[in-house]
Amino acid sequence: MKNIPAYIDEVITEMRKVNWPKRKELVSNTVITLLASLALALFIFGADRVISSILDLIY
């Protein structure tokens, strides 16, 4: 239990070293992430539909 205050002090020290992104950079990265996720979801959806159609023809 006596190590907890030392741990918290170390965490505070390390958090001061963090380089936080600016708002513009954060918004830009968020938009890129959302668009990439949407593109991947659409690709998986399309691949699933194609595979399902092929399996329907086989069965």
N, C-alpha and C. Protein backbone atom coordinates (compact mmCIF):
# COMPACT_ATOMS: atom_id res chain seq x y z
N MET A 1 0.82 -1.21 0.00
CA MET A 1 0.00 0.00 0.00
C MET A 1 0.86 1.26 0.00
N LYS A 2 2.07 1.19 0.55
CA LYS A 2 2.89 2.39 0.61
C LYS A 2 3.49 2.77 -0.75
N ASN A 3 3.42 1.87 -1.72
CA ASN A 3 3.93 2.16 -3.06
C ASN A 3 2.93 2.91 -3.93
N ILE A 4 1.68 2.97 -3.50
CA ILE A 4 0.64 3.63 -4.29
C ILE A 4 0.93 5.13 -4.49
N PRO A 5 1.27 5.89 -3.45
CA PRO A 5 1.58 7.31 -3.69
C PRO A 5 2.77 7.51 -4.64
N ALA A 6 3.77 6.65 -4.54
CA ALA A 6 4.92 6.76 -5.45
C ALA A 6 4.49 6.48 -6.88
N TYR A 7 3.63 5.48 -7.05
CA TYR A 7 3.12 5.15 -8.38
C TYR A 7 2.33 6.32 -8.96
N ILE A 8 1.48 6.92 -8.15
CA ILE A 8 0.68 8.06 -8.62
C ILE A 8 1.58 9.23 -9.00
N ASP A 9 2.61 9.48 -8.22
CA ASP A 9 3.57 10.54 -8.56
C ASP A 9 4.26 10.26 -9.90
N GLU A 10 4.63 9.02 -10.14
CA GLU A 10 5.27 8.65 -11.40
C GLU A 10 4.30 8.82 -12.57
N VAL A 11 3.05 8.47 -12.36
CA VAL A 11 2.05 8.63 -13.41
C VAL A 11 1.88 10.11 -13.75
N ILE A 12 1.79 10.94 -12.75
CA ILE A 12 1.63 12.38 -12.97
C ILE A 12 2.84 12.93 -13.73
N THR A 13 4.03 12.50 -13.34
CA THR A 13 5.25 12.95 -14.02
C THR A 13 5.25 12.55 -15.49
N GLU A 14 4.87 11.31 -15.77
CA GLU A 14 4.83 10.83 -17.16
C GLU A 14 3.74 11.51 -17.96
N MET A 15 2.61 11.80 -17.35
CA MET A 15 1.51 12.46 -18.06
C MET A 15 1.90 13.88 -18.47
N ARG A 16 2.78 14.51 -17.74
CA ARG A 16 3.24 15.85 -18.11
C ARG A 16 4.12 15.81 -19.35
N LYS A 17 4.72 14.65 -19.63
CA LYS A 17 5.60 14.49 -20.79
C LYS A 17 4.83 14.18 -22.07
N VAL A 18 3.55 13.87 -21.95
CA VAL A 18 2.76 13.46 -23.11
C VAL A 18 2.56 14.64 -24.05
N ASN A 19 2.71 14.38 -25.34
CA ASN A 19 2.48 15.40 -26.37
C ASN A 19 1.05 15.23 -26.87
N TRP A 20 0.13 16.02 -26.32
CA TRP A 20 -1.28 15.89 -26.68
C TRP A 20 -1.53 16.53 -28.04
N PRO A 21 -2.37 15.90 -28.88
CA PRO A 21 -2.63 16.46 -30.22
C PRO A 21 -3.49 17.71 -30.13
N LYS A 22 -3.31 18.58 -31.12
CA LYS A 22 -4.16 19.76 -31.22
C LYS A 22 -5.54 19.34 -31.72
N ARG A 23 -6.52 20.19 -31.54
CA ARG A 23 -7.90 19.85 -31.92
C ARG A 23 -8.02 19.53 -33.41
N LYS A 24 -7.36 20.33 -34.25
CA LYS A 24 -7.44 20.12 -35.69
C LYS A 24 -6.87 18.74 -36.07
N GLU A 25 -5.76 18.38 -35.48
CA GLU A 25 -5.14 17.08 -35.74
C GLU A 25 -6.02 15.94 -35.24
N LEU A 26 -6.63 16.13 -34.10
CA LEU A 26 -7.52 15.11 -33.53
C LEU A 26 -8.74 14.88 -34.42
N VAL A 27 -9.35 15.97 -34.89
CA VAL A 27 -10.52 15.86 -35.77
C VAL A 27 -10.12 15.19 -37.08
N SER A 28 -8.99 15.58 -37.64
CA SER A 28 -8.51 15.01 -38.90
C SER A 28 -8.29 13.50 -38.76
N ASN A 29 -7.61 13.09 -37.71
CA ASN A 29 -7.36 11.67 -37.49
C ASN A 29 -8.65 10.90 -37.24
N THR A 30 -9.61 11.51 -36.57
CA THR A 30 -10.89 10.86 -36.32
C THR A 30 -11.64 10.64 -37.63
N VAL A 31 -11.65 11.64 -38.50
CA VAL A 31 -12.33 11.52 -39.79
C VAL A 31 -11.68 10.43 -40.63
N ILE A 32 -10.35 10.40 -40.66
CA ILE A 32 -9.64 9.36 -41.41
C ILE A 32 -9.98 7.97 -40.88
N THR A 33 -10.03 7.84 -39.57
CA THR A 33 -10.36 6.55 -38.95
C THR A 33 -11.78 6.12 -39.30
N LEU A 34 -12.72 7.05 -39.23
CA LEU A 34 -14.11 6.71 -39.56
C LEU A 34 -14.26 6.32 -41.04
N LEU A 35 -13.60 7.04 -41.93
CA LEU A 35 -13.68 6.72 -43.35
C LEU A 35 -13.03 5.37 -43.66
N ALA A 36 -11.91 5.09 -43.04
CA ALA A 36 -11.25 3.80 -43.25
C ALA A 36 -12.12 2.67 -42.71
N SER A 37 -12.76 2.88 -41.57
CA SER A 37 -13.65 1.87 -41.01
C SER A 37 -14.84 1.62 -41.91
N LEU A 38 -15.40 2.69 -42.45
CA LEU A 38 -16.53 2.56 -43.37
C LEU A 38 -16.13 1.82 -44.64
N ALA A 39 -14.96 2.15 -45.19
CA ALA A 39 -14.49 1.48 -46.40
C ALA A 39 -14.27 -0.01 -46.14
N LEU A 40 -13.69 -0.35 -45.02
CA LEU A 40 -13.47 -1.76 -44.67
C LEU A 40 -14.79 -2.48 -44.48
N ALA A 41 -15.73 -1.84 -43.81
CA ALA A 41 -17.05 -2.45 -43.59
C ALA A 41 -17.75 -2.70 -44.92
N LEU A 42 -17.68 -1.74 -45.85
CA LEU A 42 -18.30 -1.91 -47.16
C LEU A 42 -17.62 -3.03 -47.96
N PHE A 43 -16.32 -3.12 -47.86
CA PHE A 43 -15.60 -4.20 -48.54
C PHE A 43 -16.03 -5.56 -47.99
N ILE A 44 -16.09 -5.69 -46.68
CA ILE A 44 -16.50 -6.95 -46.07
C ILE A 44 -17.94 -7.29 -46.44
N PHE A 45 -18.81 -6.27 -46.45
CA PHE A 45 -20.20 -6.48 -46.84
C PHE A 45 -20.28 -6.98 -48.28
N GLY A 46 -19.54 -6.33 -49.18
CA GLY A 46 -19.54 -6.72 -50.58
C GLY A 46 -19.00 -8.13 -50.77
N ALA A 47 -17.91 -8.44 -50.09
CA ALA A 47 -17.33 -9.78 -50.21
C ALA A 47 -18.31 -10.83 -49.69
N ASP A 48 -18.99 -10.52 -48.61
CA ASP A 48 -19.97 -11.45 -48.05
C ASP A 48 -21.12 -11.70 -49.02
N ARG A 49 -21.58 -10.63 -49.66
CA ARG A 49 -22.68 -10.77 -50.64
C ARG A 49 -22.24 -11.62 -51.83
N VAL A 50 -21.04 -11.39 -52.33
CA VAL A 50 -20.52 -12.16 -53.47
C VAL A 50 -20.39 -13.63 -53.08
N ILE A 51 -19.79 -13.90 -51.95
CA ILE A 51 -19.62 -15.29 -51.51
C ILE A 51 -20.98 -15.95 -51.28
N SER A 52 -21.92 -15.23 -50.70
CA SER A 52 -23.26 -15.79 -50.49
C SER A 52 -23.93 -16.12 -51.82
N SER A 53 -23.78 -15.24 -52.81
CA SER A 53 -24.37 -15.49 -54.14
C SER A 53 -23.75 -16.73 -54.79
N ILE A 54 -22.45 -16.86 -54.69
CA ILE A 54 -21.76 -18.02 -55.26
C ILE A 54 -22.23 -19.30 -54.56
N LEU A 55 -22.35 -19.26 -53.24
CA LEU A 55 -22.80 -20.45 -52.50
C LEU A 55 -24.25 -20.78 -52.84
N ASP A 56 -25.08 -19.77 -53.06
CA ASP A 56 -26.47 -20.03 -53.47
C ASP A 56 -26.52 -20.75 -54.81
N LEU A 57 -25.63 -20.38 -55.74
CA LEU A 57 -25.57 -21.05 -57.03
C LEU A 57 -25.11 -22.50 -56.89
N ILE A 58 -24.18 -22.72 -56.00
CA ILE A 58 -23.65 -24.08 -55.79
C ILE A 58 -24.70 -24.98 -55.14
N TYR A 59 -25.38 -24.46 -54.13
CA TYR A 59 -26.36 -25.29 -53.42
C TYR A 59 -27.65 -25.33 -54.18
